[in-house]
Amino acid sequence: MKKYILFSIVVFATIMSAHAYSCQMEKVSKIEMVNDDYERIPSSELTPAVVEEILKEYPTSKLGAAYRNSKGIFKLVMVLKSGTRRTVYIDPYGNWITNKKR
């Protein structure tokens, strides 16, 4: 009788551990890379209209970085006088682009 009870406990524990192992869920994290198609360019590649608009809109700021995408739209990182950075978008003709048009 003692062996029968011990045997049933071992079988029950084996079944429960196998069930617990198969019910574990794997955590899957989804990572998406966003490629906005902008390539870094030197400031000398900015069009005169863009340079004129930068000087008009941000006279005390410095150009931190300039990027251009395949459509010709420029992404400019401006370093403001306070030290904060602002990313702005402008087309080759000097028209500022809002977030909706990008």
PDB file of N, CA and C in Angstrom:
ATOM      1  N   MET A   1       0.812  -1.180   0.000  1.00  0.00           N
ATOM      2  CA  MET A   1       0.000   0.000   0.000  1.00  0.00           C
ATOM      3  C   MET A   1       0.864   1.256   0.000  1.00  0.00           C
ATOM      4  N   LYS A   2       1.934   1.197   0.777  1.00  0.00           N
ATOM      5  CA  LYS A   2       2.836   2.320   0.880  1.00  0.00           C
ATOM      6  C   LYS A   2       3.456   2.618  -0.485  1.00  0.00           C
ATOM      7  N   LYS A   3       3.821   1.574  -1.225  1.00  0.00           N
ATOM      8  CA  LYS A   3       4.421   1.752  -2.545  1.00  0.00           C
ATOM      9  C   LYS A   3       3.399   2.322  -3.528  1.00  0.00           C
ATOM     10  N   TYR A   4       2.142   1.918  -3.401  1.00  0.00           N
ATOM     11  CA  TYR A   4       1.099   2.399  -4.296  1.00  0.00           C
ATOM     12  C   TYR A   4       0.881   3.909  -4.116  1.00  0.00           C
ATOM     13  N   ILE A   5       0.863   4.387  -2.885  1.00  0.00           N
ATOM     14  CA  ILE A   5       0.688   5.815  -2.606  1.00  0.00           C
ATOM     15  C   ILE A   5       1.895   6.592  -3.112  1.00  0.00           C
ATOM     16  N   LEU A   6       3.092   6.102  -2.866  1.00  0.00           N
ATOM     17  CA  LEU A   6       4.313   6.754  -3.335  1.00  0.00           C
ATOM     18  C   LEU A   6       4.343   6.803  -4.858  1.00  0.00           C
ATOM     19  N   PHE A   7       3.938   5.697  -5.501  1.00  0.00           N
ATOM     20  CA  PHE A   7       3.901   5.646  -6.961  1.00  0.00           C
ATOM     21  C   PHE A   7       2.897   6.664  -7.518  1.00  0.00           C
ATOM     22  N   SER A   8       1.736   6.778  -6.913  1.00  0.00           N
ATOM     23  CA  SER A   8       0.722   7.722  -7.400  1.00  0.00           C
ATOM     24  C   SER A   8       1.171   9.175  -7.206  1.00  0.00           C
ATOM     25  N   ILE A   9       1.894   9.465  -6.140  1.00  0.00           N
ATOM     26  CA  ILE A   9       2.418  10.817  -5.921  1.00  0.00           C
ATOM     27  C   ILE A   9       3.455  11.161  -6.986  1.00  0.00           C
ATOM     28  N   VAL A  10       4.343  10.242  -7.307  1.00  0.00           N
ATOM     29  CA  VAL A  10       5.370  10.469  -8.332  1.00  0.00           C
ATOM     30  C   VAL A  10       4.722  10.680  -9.696  1.00  0.00           C
ATOM     31  N   VAL A  11       3.728   9.862 -10.031  1.00  0.00           N
ATOM     32  CA  VAL A  11       3.036  10.010 -11.316  1.00  0.00           C
ATOM     33  C   VAL A  11       2.314  11.357 -11.371  1.00  0.00           C
ATOM     34  N   PHE A  12       1.642  11.719 -10.311  1.00  0.00           N
ATOM     35  CA  PHE A  12       0.929  12.996 -10.269  1.00  0.00           C
ATOM     36  C   PHE A  12       1.899  14.170 -10.418  1.00  0.00           C
ATOM     37  N   ALA A  13       3.028  14.128  -9.731  1.00  0.00           N
ATOM     38  CA  ALA A  13       4.021  15.200  -9.822  1.00  0.00           C
ATOM     39  C   ALA A  13       4.604  15.292 -11.229  1.00  0.00           C
ATOM     40  N   THR A  14       4.832  14.155 -11.867  1.00  0.00           N
ATOM     41  CA  THR A  14       5.367  14.142 -13.232  1.00  0.00           C
ATOM     42  C   THR A  14       4.373  14.750 -14.208  1.00  0.00           C
ATOM     43  N   ILE A  15       3.123  14.390 -14.069  1.00  0.00           N
ATOM     44  CA  ILE A  15       2.089  14.934 -14.960  1.00  0.00           C
ATOM     45  C   ILE A  15       1.959  16.444 -14.764  1.00  0.00           C
ATOM     46  N   MET A  16       1.960  16.895 -13.522  1.00  0.00           N
ATOM     47  CA  MET A  16       1.813  18.327 -13.251  1.00  0.00           C
ATOM     48  C   MET A  16       3.017  19.118 -13.750  1.00  0.00           C
ATOM     49  N   SER A  17       4.219  18.589 -13.612  1.00  0.00           N
ATOM     50  CA  SER A  17       5.395  19.326 -14.083  1.00  0.00           C
ATOM     51  C   SER A  17       5.424  19.386 -15.606  1.00  0.00           C
ATOM     52  N   ALA A  18       4.997  18.319 -16.267  1.00  0.00           N
ATOM     53  CA  ALA A  18       4.936  18.328 -17.730  1.00  0.00           C
ATOM     54  C   ALA A  18       3.872  19.311 -18.206  1.00  0.00           C
ATOM     55  N   HIS A  19       2.755  19.361 -17.507  1.00  0.00           N
ATOM     56  CA  HIS A  19       1.692  20.297 -17.870  1.00  0.00           C
ATOM     57  C   HIS A  19       2.141  21.742 -17.633  1.00  0.00           C
ATOM     58  N   ALA A  20       2.817  21.988 -16.530  1.00  0.00           N
ATOM     59  CA  ALA A  20       3.285  23.340 -16.226  1.00  0.00           C
ATOM     60  C   ALA A  20       4.329  23.789 -17.241  1.00  0.00           C
ATOM     61  N   TYR A  21       5.145  22.892 -17.699  1.00  0.00           N
ATOM     62  CA  TYR A  21       6.180  23.232 -18.679  1.00  0.00           C
ATOM     63  C   TYR A  21       5.565  23.582 -20.025  1.00  0.00           C
ATOM     64  N   SER A  22       4.558  22.848 -20.439  1.00  0.00           N
ATOM     65  CA  SER A  22       3.960  23.092 -21.748  1.00  0.00           C
ATOM     66  C   SER A  22       3.068  24.327 -21.762  1.00  0.00           C
ATOM     67  N   CYS A  23       2.644  24.807 -20.609  1.00  0.00           N
ATOM     68  CA  CYS A  23       1.751  25.963 -20.559  1.00  0.00           C
ATOM     69  C   CYS A  23       2.496  27.284 -20.439  1.00  0.00           C
ATOM     70  N   GLN A  24       3.799  27.246 -20.346  1.00  0.00           N
ATOM     71  CA  GLN A  24       4.542  28.489 -20.236  1.00  0.00           C
ATOM     72  C   GLN A  24       4.480  29.243 -21.555  1.00  0.00           C
ATOM     73  N   MET A  25       4.236  30.535 -21.449  1.00  0.00           N
ATOM     74  CA  MET A  25       4.164  31.368 -22.644  1.00  0.00           C
ATOM     75  C   MET A  25       5.515  32.030 -22.870  1.00  0.00           C
ATOM     76  N   GLU A  26       5.886  32.105 -24.106  1.00  0.00           N
ATOM     77  CA  GLU A  26       7.129  32.775 -24.446  1.00  0.00           C
ATOM     78  C   GLU A  26       6.844  34.245 -24.686  1.00  0.00           C
ATOM     79  N   LYS A  27       7.716  35.071 -24.159  1.00  0.00           N
ATOM     80  CA  LYS A  27       7.572  36.500 -24.387  1.00  0.00           C
ATOM     81  C   LYS A  27       8.233  36.839 -25.720  1.00  0.00           C
ATOM     82  N   VAL A  28       7.489  37.496 -26.556  1.00  0.00           N
ATOM     83  CA  VAL A  28       8.008  37.899 -27.857  1.00  0.00           C
ATOM     84  C   VAL A  28       7.929  39.410 -27.927  1.00  0.00           C
ATOM     85  N   SER A  29       9.048  40.010 -28.146  1.00  0.00           N
ATOM     86  CA  SER A  29       9.037  41.459 -28.292  1.00  0.00           C
ATOM     87  C   SER A  29       9.244  41.807 -29.757  1.00  0.00           C
ATOM     88  N   LYS A  30       8.440  42.707 -30.210  1.00  0.00           N
ATOM     89  CA  LYS A  30       8.487  43.102 -31.611  1.00  0.00           C
ATOM     90  C   LYS A  30       9.253  44.412 -31.716  1.00  0.00           C
ATOM     91  N   ILE A  31      10.289  44.396 -32.497  1.00  0.00           N
ATOM     92  CA  ILE A  31      11.099  45.585 -32.700  1.00  0.00           C
ATOM     93  C   ILE A  31      10.995  45.970 -34.164  1.00  0.00           C
ATOM     94  N   GLU A  32      10.598  47.191 -34.382  1.00  0.00           N
ATOM     95  CA  GLU A  32      10.491  47.674 -35.745  1.00  0.00           C
ATOM     96  C   GLU A  32      11.521  48.768 -35.962  1.00  0.00           C
ATOM     97  N   MET A  33      12.212  48.667 -37.048  1.00  0.00           N
ATOM     98  CA  MET A  33      13.157  49.703 -37.423  1.00  0.00           C
ATOM     99  C   MET A  33      12.439  50.667 -38.357  1.00  0.00           C
ATOM    100  N   VAL A  34      12.508  51.921 -38.024  1.00  0.00           N
ATOM    101  CA  VAL A  34      11.881  52.926 -38.867  1.00  0.00           C
ATOM    102  C   VAL A  34      12.983  53.588 -39.679  1.00  0.00           C
ATOM    103  N   ASN A  35      12.922  53.382 -40.956  1.00  0.00           N
ATOM    104  CA  ASN A  35      13.889  53.995 -41.845  1.00  0.00           C
ATOM    105  C   ASN A  35      13.189  55.121 -42.573  1.00  0.00           C
ATOM    106  N   ASP A  36      13.540  56.337 -42.223  1.00  0.00           N
ATOM    107  CA  ASP A  36      12.855  57.460 -42.839  1.00  0.00           C
ATOM    108  C   ASP A  36      13.543  57.928 -44.109  1.00  0.00           C
ATOM    109  N   ASP A  37      14.498  57.166 -44.614  1.00  0.00           N
ATOM    110  CA  ASP A  37      15.072  57.393 -45.933  1.00  0.00           C
ATOM    111  C   ASP A  37      15.909  58.667 -46.021  1.00  0.00           C
ATOM    112  N   TYR A  38      16.306  59.259 -44.916  1.00  0.00           N
ATOM    113  CA  TYR A  38      17.114  60.470 -44.949  1.00  0.00           C
ATOM    114  C   TYR A  38      18.588  60.101 -44.850  1.00  0.00           C
ATOM    115  N   GLU A  39      19.401  60.731 -45.694  1.00  0.00           N
ATOM    116  CA  GLU A  39      20.849  60.533 -45.661  1.00  0.00           C
ATOM    117  C   GLU A  39      21.506  61.850 -45.284  1.00  0.00           C
ATOM    118  N   ARG A  40      22.530  61.761 -44.464  1.00  0.00           N
ATOM    119  CA  ARG A  40      23.215  62.968 -44.019  1.00  0.00           C
ATOM    120  C   ARG A  40      23.970  63.594 -45.184  1.00  0.00           C
ATOM    121  N   ILE A  41      23.896  64.916 -45.261  1.00  0.00           N
ATOM    122  CA  ILE A  41      24.573  65.651 -46.322  1.00  0.00           C
ATOM    123  C   ILE A  41      25.343  66.813 -45.705  1.00  0.00           C
ATOM    124  N   PRO A  42      26.361  67.317 -46.394  1.00  0.00           N
ATOM    125  CA  PRO A  42      27.036  68.524 -45.897  1.00  0.00           C
ATOM    126  C   PRO A  42      26.146  69.748 -46.115  1.00  0.00           C
ATOM    127  N   SER A  43      26.356  70.767 -45.334  1.00  0.00           N
ATOM    128  CA  SER A  43      25.513  71.965 -45.445  1.00  0.00           C
ATOM    129  C   SER A  43      25.701  72.674 -46.783  1.00  0.00           C
ATOM    130  N   SER A  44      26.785  72.406 -47.478  1.00  0.00           N
ATOM    131  CA  SER A  44      27.011  73.036 -48.784  1.00  0.00           C
ATOM    132  C   SER A  44      26.032  72.536 -49.843  1.00  0.00           C
ATOM    133  N   GLU A  45      25.365  71.406 -49.598  1.00  0.00           N
ATOM    134  CA  GLU A  45      24.401  70.868 -50.553  1.00  0.00           C
ATOM    135  C   GLU A  45      22.991  71.437 -50.376  1.00  0.00           C
ATOM    136  N   LEU A  46      22.800  72.321 -49.411  1.00  0.00           N
ATOM    137  CA  LEU A  46      21.496  72.957 -49.234  1.00  0.00           C
ATOM    138  C   LEU A  46      21.286  73.980 -50.345  1.00  0.00           C
ATOM    139  N   THR A  47      20.064  74.070 -50.833  1.00  0.00           N
ATOM    140  CA  THR A  47      19.763  75.023 -51.903  1.00  0.00           C
ATOM    141  C   THR A  47      19.747  76.446 -51.343  1.00  0.00           C
ATOM    142  N   PRO A  48      19.993  77.453 -52.193  1.00  0.00           N
ATOM    143  CA  PRO A  48      19.976  78.842 -51.715  1.00  0.00           C
ATOM    144  C   PRO A  48      18.644  79.244 -51.070  1.00  0.00           C
ATOM    145  N   ALA A  49      17.540  78.728 -51.582  1.00  0.00           N
ATOM    146  CA  ALA A  49      16.235  79.048 -50.993  1.00  0.00           C
ATOM    147  C   ALA A  49      16.124  78.502 -49.573  1.00  0.00           C
ATOM    148  N   VAL A  50      16.680  77.328 -49.347  1.00  0.00           N
ATOM    149  CA  VAL A  50      16.651  76.726 -48.010  1.00  0.00           C
ATOM    150  C   VAL A  50      17.520  77.536 -47.056  1.00  0.00           C
ATOM    151  N   VAL A  51      18.713  77.909 -47.504  1.00  0.00           N
ATOM    152  CA  VAL A  51      19.619  78.697 -46.662  1.00  0.00           C
ATOM    153  C   VAL A  51      18.969  80.034 -46.300  1.00  0.00           C
ATOM    154  N   GLU A  52      18.324  80.659 -47.267  1.00  0.00           N
ATOM    155  CA  GLU A  52      17.653  81.941 -47.025  1.00  0.00           C
ATOM    156  C   GLU A  52      16.545  81.800 -45.985  1.00  0.00           C
ATOM    157  N   GLU A  53      15.753  80.743 -46.082  1.00  0.00           N
ATOM    158  CA  GLU A  53      14.674  80.519 -45.115  1.00  0.00           C
ATOM    159  C   GLU A  53      15.213  80.202 -43.727  1.00  0.00           C
ATOM    160  N   ILE A  54      16.314  79.465 -43.660  1.00  0.00           N
ATOM    161  CA  ILE A  54      16.921  79.161 -42.353  1.00  0.00           C
ATOM    162  C   ILE A  54      17.370  80.453 -41.683  1.00  0.00           C
ATOM    163  N   LEU A  55      18.049  81.311 -42.451  1.00  0.00           N
ATOM    164  CA  LEU A  55      18.534  82.566 -41.885  1.00  0.00           C
ATOM    165  C   LEU A  55      17.386  83.488 -41.488  1.00  0.00           C
ATOM    166  N   LYS A  56      16.282  83.416 -42.201  1.00  0.00           N
ATOM    167  CA  LYS A  56      15.125  84.253 -41.893  1.00  0.00           C
ATOM    168  C   LYS A  56      14.391  83.744 -40.651  1.00  0.00           C
ATOM    169  N   GLU A  57      14.199  82.430 -40.567  1.00  0.00           N
ATOM    170  CA  GLU A  57      13.405  81.845 -39.479  1.00  0.00           C
ATOM    171  C   GLU A  57      14.223  81.606 -38.203  1.00  0.00           C
ATOM    172  N   TYR A  58      15.483  81.248 -38.350  1.00  0.00           N
ATOM    173  CA  TYR A  58      16.347  80.927 -37.211  1.00  0.00           C
ATOM    174  C   TYR A  58      17.635  81.746 -37.290  1.00  0.00           C
ATOM    175  N   PRO A  59      17.577  83.061 -37.099  1.00  0.00           N
ATOM    176  CA  PRO A  59      18.780  83.885 -37.281  1.00  0.00           C
ATOM    177  C   PRO A  59      19.862  83.655 -36.225  1.00  0.00           C
ATOM    178  N   THR A  60      19.495  83.256 -35.011  1.00  0.00           N
ATOM    179  CA  THR A  60      20.489  83.070 -33.953  1.00  0.00           C
ATOM    180  C   THR A  60      20.849  81.609 -33.734  1.00  0.00           C
ATOM    181  N   SER A  61      20.292  80.717 -34.526  1.00  0.00           N
ATOM    182  CA  SER A  61      20.535  79.281 -34.351  1.00  0.00           C
ATOM    183  C   SER A  61      21.667  78.803 -35.243  1.00  0.00           C
ATOM    184  N   LYS A  62      22.155  77.616 -34.918  1.00  0.00           N
ATOM    185  CA  LYS A  62      23.190  76.972 -35.732  1.00  0.00           C
ATOM    186  C   LYS A  62      22.617  75.695 -36.329  1.00  0.00           C
ATOM    187  N   LEU A  63      23.130  75.321 -37.468  1.00  0.00           N
ATOM    188  CA  LEU A  63      22.703  74.087 -38.119  1.00  0.00           C
ATOM    189  C   LEU A  63      23.491  72.929 -37.520  1.00  0.00           C
ATOM    190  N   GLY A  64      22.795  72.032 -36.836  1.00  0.00           N
ATOM    191  CA  GLY A  64      23.452  70.885 -36.213  1.00  0.00           C
ATOM    192  C   GLY A  64      23.738  69.775 -37.206  1.00  0.00           C
ATOM    193  N   ALA A  65      22.767  69.486 -38.073  1.00  0.00           N
ATOM    194  CA  ALA A  65      22.922  68.429 -39.075  1.00  0.00           C
ATOM    195  C   ALA A  65      21.899  68.657 -40.173  1.00  0.00           C
ATOM    196  N   ALA A  66      22.239  68.196 -41.365  1.00  0.00           N
ATOM    197  CA  ALA A  66      21.328  68.306 -42.506  1.00  0.00           C
ATOM    198  C   ALA A  66      21.193  66.936 -43.150  1.00  0.00           C
ATOM    199  N   TYR A  67      19.973  66.580 -43.503  1.00  0.00           N
ATOM    200  CA  TYR A  67      19.676  65.302 -44.140  1.00  0.00           C
ATOM    201  C   TYR A  67      18.775  65.563 -45.341  1.00  0.00           C
ATOM    202  N   ARG A  68      18.832  64.669 -46.332  1.00  0.00           N
ATOM    203  CA  ARG A  68      17.956  64.779 -47.502  1.00  0.00           C
ATOM    204  C   ARG A  68      17.430  63.396 -47.839  1.00  0.00           C
ATOM    205  N   ASN A  69      16.150  63.322 -48.227  1.00  0.00           N
ATOM    206  CA  ASN A  69      15.586  62.036 -48.632  1.00  0.00           C
ATOM    207  C   ASN A  69      15.498  61.963 -50.149  1.00  0.00           C
ATOM    208  N   SER A  70      14.952  60.875 -50.652  1.00  0.00           N
ATOM    209  CA  SER A  70      14.892  60.654 -52.099  1.00  0.00           C
ATOM    210  C   SER A  70      13.943  61.628 -52.795  1.00  0.00           C
ATOM    211  N   LYS A  71      13.010  62.214 -52.061  1.00  0.00           N
ATOM    212  CA  LYS A  71      12.079  63.185 -52.641  1.00  0.00           C
ATOM    213  C   LYS A  71      12.675  64.591 -52.694  1.00  0.00           C
ATOM    214  N   GLY A  72      13.855  64.778 -52.110  1.00  0.00           N
ATOM    215  CA  GLY A  72      14.490  66.088 -52.095  1.00  0.00           C
ATOM    216  C   GLY A  72      14.140  66.927 -50.888  1.00  0.00           C
ATOM    217  N   ILE A  73      13.399  66.362 -49.947  1.00  0.00           N
ATOM    218  CA  ILE A  73      13.013  67.095 -48.744  1.00  0.00           C
ATOM    219  C   ILE A  73      14.175  67.063 -47.757  1.00  0.00           C
ATOM    220  N   PHE A  74      14.444  68.212 -47.162  1.00  0.00           N
ATOM    221  CA  PHE A  74      15.539  68.333 -46.207  1.00  0.00           C
ATOM    222  C   PHE A  74      15.014  68.204 -44.784  1.00  0.00           C
ATOM    223  N   LYS A  75      15.774  67.488 -43.974  1.00  0.00           N
ATOM    224  CA  LYS A  75      15.515  67.376 -42.538  1.00  0.00           C
ATOM    225  C   LYS A  75      16.678  68.093 -41.870  1.00  0.00           C
ATOM    226  N   LEU A  76      16.380  69.150 -41.148  1.00  0.00           N
ATOM    227  CA  LEU A  76      17.417  69.970 -40.540  1.00  0.00           C
ATOM    228  C   LEU A  76      17.315  69.896 -39.026  1.00  0.00           C
ATOM    229  N   VAL A  77      18.440  69.687 -38.381  1.00  0.00           N
ATOM    230  CA  VAL A  77      18.497  69.703 -36.922  1.00  0.00           C
ATOM    231  C   VAL A  77      19.121  71.037 -36.538  1.00  0.00           C
ATOM    232  N   MET A  78      18.295  71.904 -35.978  1.00  0.00           N
ATOM    233  CA  MET A  78      18.742  73.237 -35.600  1.00  0.00           C
ATOM    234  C   MET A  78      19.086  73.253 -34.114  1.00  0.00           C
ATOM    235  N   VAL A  79      20.226  73.862 -33.782  1.00  0.00           N
ATOM    236  CA  VAL A  79      20.623  74.039 -32.387  1.00  0.00           C
ATOM    237  C   VAL A  79      20.269  75.477 -32.025  1.00  0.00           C
ATOM    238  N   LEU A  80      19.276  75.618 -31.175  1.00  0.00           N
ATOM    239  CA  LEU A  80      18.798  76.945 -30.798  1.00  0.00           C
ATOM    240  C   LEU A  80      19.769  77.614 -29.838  1.00  0.00           C
ATOM    241  N   LYS A  81      19.581  78.897 -29.640  1.00  0.00           N
ATOM    242  CA  LYS A  81      20.465  79.667 -28.770  1.00  0.00           C
ATOM    243  C   LYS A  81      20.462  79.118 -27.344  1.00  0.00           C
ATOM    244  N   SER A  82      19.332  78.570 -26.917  1.00  0.00           N
ATOM    245  CA  SER A  82      19.224  78.009 -25.566  1.00  0.00           C
ATOM    246  C   SER A  82      19.948  76.669 -25.427  1.00  0.00           C
ATOM    247  N   GLY A  83      20.372  76.090 -26.559  1.00  0.00           N
ATOM    248  CA  GLY A  83      21.070  74.811 -26.526  1.00  0.00           C
ATOM    249  C   GLY A  83      20.188  73.629 -26.875  1.00  0.00           C
ATOM    250  N   THR A  84      18.890  73.847 -26.956  1.00  0.00           N
ATOM    251  CA  THR A  84      17.989  72.758 -27.327  1.00  0.00           C
ATOM    252  C   THR A  84      18.028  72.534 -28.832  1.00  0.00           C
ATOM    253  N   ARG A  85      17.658  71.345 -29.230  1.00  0.00           N
ATOM    254  CA  ARG A  85      17.662  70.991 -30.650  1.00  0.00           C
ATOM    255  C   ARG A  85      16.230  70.915 -31.157  1.00  0.00           C
ATOM    256  N   ARG A  86      16.046  71.373 -32.374  1.00  0.00           N
ATOM    257  CA  ARG A  86      14.737  71.320 -33.016  1.00  0.00           C
ATOM    258  C   ARG A  86      14.923  70.744 -34.411  1.00  0.00           C
ATOM    259  N   THR A  87      14.111  69.753 -34.742  1.00  0.00           N
ATOM    260  CA  THR A  87      14.146  69.143 -36.069  1.00  0.00           C
ATOM    261  C   THR A  87      13.039  69.762 -36.904  1.00  0.00           C
ATOM    262  N   VAL A  88      13.424  70.304 -38.060  1.00  0.00           N
ATOM    263  CA  VAL A  88      12.462  70.937 -38.965  1.00  0.00           C
ATOM    264  C   VAL A  88      12.631  70.334 -40.354  1.00  0.00           C
ATOM    265  N   TYR A  89      11.585  70.453 -41.154  1.00  0.00           N
ATOM    266  CA  TYR A  89      11.583  69.896 -42.502  1.00  0.00           C
ATOM    267  C   TYR A  89      11.270  71.009 -43.490  1.00  0.00           C
ATOM    268  N   ILE A  90      11.977  71.002 -44.620  1.00  0.00           N
ATOM    269  CA  ILE A  90      11.806  72.041 -45.623  1.00  0.00           C
ATOM    270  C   ILE A  90      12.039  71.439 -47.001  1.00  0.00           C
ATOM    271  N   ASP A  91      11.303  71.906 -47.987  1.00  0.00           N
ATOM    272  CA  ASP A  91      11.505  71.391 -49.346  1.00  0.00           C
ATOM    273  C   ASP A  91      12.612  72.191 -50.043  1.00  0.00           C
ATOM    274  N   PRO A  92      13.078  71.776 -51.218  1.00  0.00           N
ATOM    275  CA  PRO A  92      14.193  72.460 -51.888  1.00  0.00           C
ATOM    276  C   PRO A  92      13.878  73.902 -52.291  1.00  0.00           C
ATOM    277  N   TYR A  93      12.599  74.263 -52.304  1.00  0.00           N
ATOM    278  CA  TYR A  93      12.192  75.605 -52.722  1.00  0.00           C
ATOM    279  C   TYR A  93      12.036  76.566 -51.550  1.00  0.00           C
ATOM    280  N   GLY A  94      12.302  76.094 -50.338  1.00  0.00           N
ATOM    281  CA  GLY A  94      12.230  76.955 -49.168  1.00  0.00           C
ATOM    282  C   GLY A  94      10.890  76.973 -48.475  1.00  0.00           C
ATOM    283  N   ASN A  95      10.030  76.018 -48.763  1.00  0.00           N
ATOM    284  CA  ASN A  95       8.718  75.932 -48.104  1.00  0.00           C
ATOM    285  C   ASN A  95       8.814  74.997 -46.906  1.00  0.00           C
ATOM    286  N   TRP A  96       8.409  75.499 -45.738  1.00  0.00           N
ATOM    287  CA  TRP A  96       8.437  74.675 -44.535  1.00  0.00           C
ATOM    288  C   TRP A  96       7.373  73.597 -44.634  1.00  0.00           C
ATOM    289  N   ILE A  97       7.688  72.417 -44.135  1.00  0.00           N
ATOM    290  CA  ILE A  97       6.785  71.271 -44.218  1.00  0.00           C
ATOM    291  C   ILE A  97       6.329  70.911 -42.813  1.00  0.00           C
ATOM    292  N   THR A  98       5.012  70.739 -42.659  1.00  0.00           N
ATOM    293  CA  THR A  98       4.471  70.327 -41.367  1.00  0.00           C
ATOM    294  C   THR A  98       4.570  68.809 -41.257  1.00  0.00           C
ATOM    295  N   ASN A  99       4.257  68.281 -40.099  1.00  0.00           N
ATOM    296  CA  ASN A  99       4.349  66.839 -39.853  1.00  0.00           C
ATOM    297  C   ASN A  99       3.442  66.039 -40.764  1.00  0.00           C
ATOM    298  N   LYS A 100       2.322  66.585 -41.171  1.00  0.00           N
ATOM    299  CA  LYS A 100       1.352  65.835 -41.961  1.00  0.00           C
ATOM    300  C   LYS A 100       1.822  65.587 -43.388  1.00  0.00           C
ATOM    301  N   LYS A 101       2.659  66.455 -43.928  1.00  0.00           N
ATOM    302  CA  LYS A 101       3.049  66.349 -45.331  1.00  0.00           C
ATOM    303  C   LYS A 101       4.257  65.451 -45.564  1.00  0.00           C
ATOM    304  N   ARG A 102       5.006  65.125 -44.543  1.00  0.00           N
ATOM    305  CA  ARG A 102       6.227  64.347 -44.715  1.00  0.00           C
ATOM    306  C   ARG A 102       5.886  62.999 -45.239  1.00  0.00           C
TER     307      ARG A 102
END
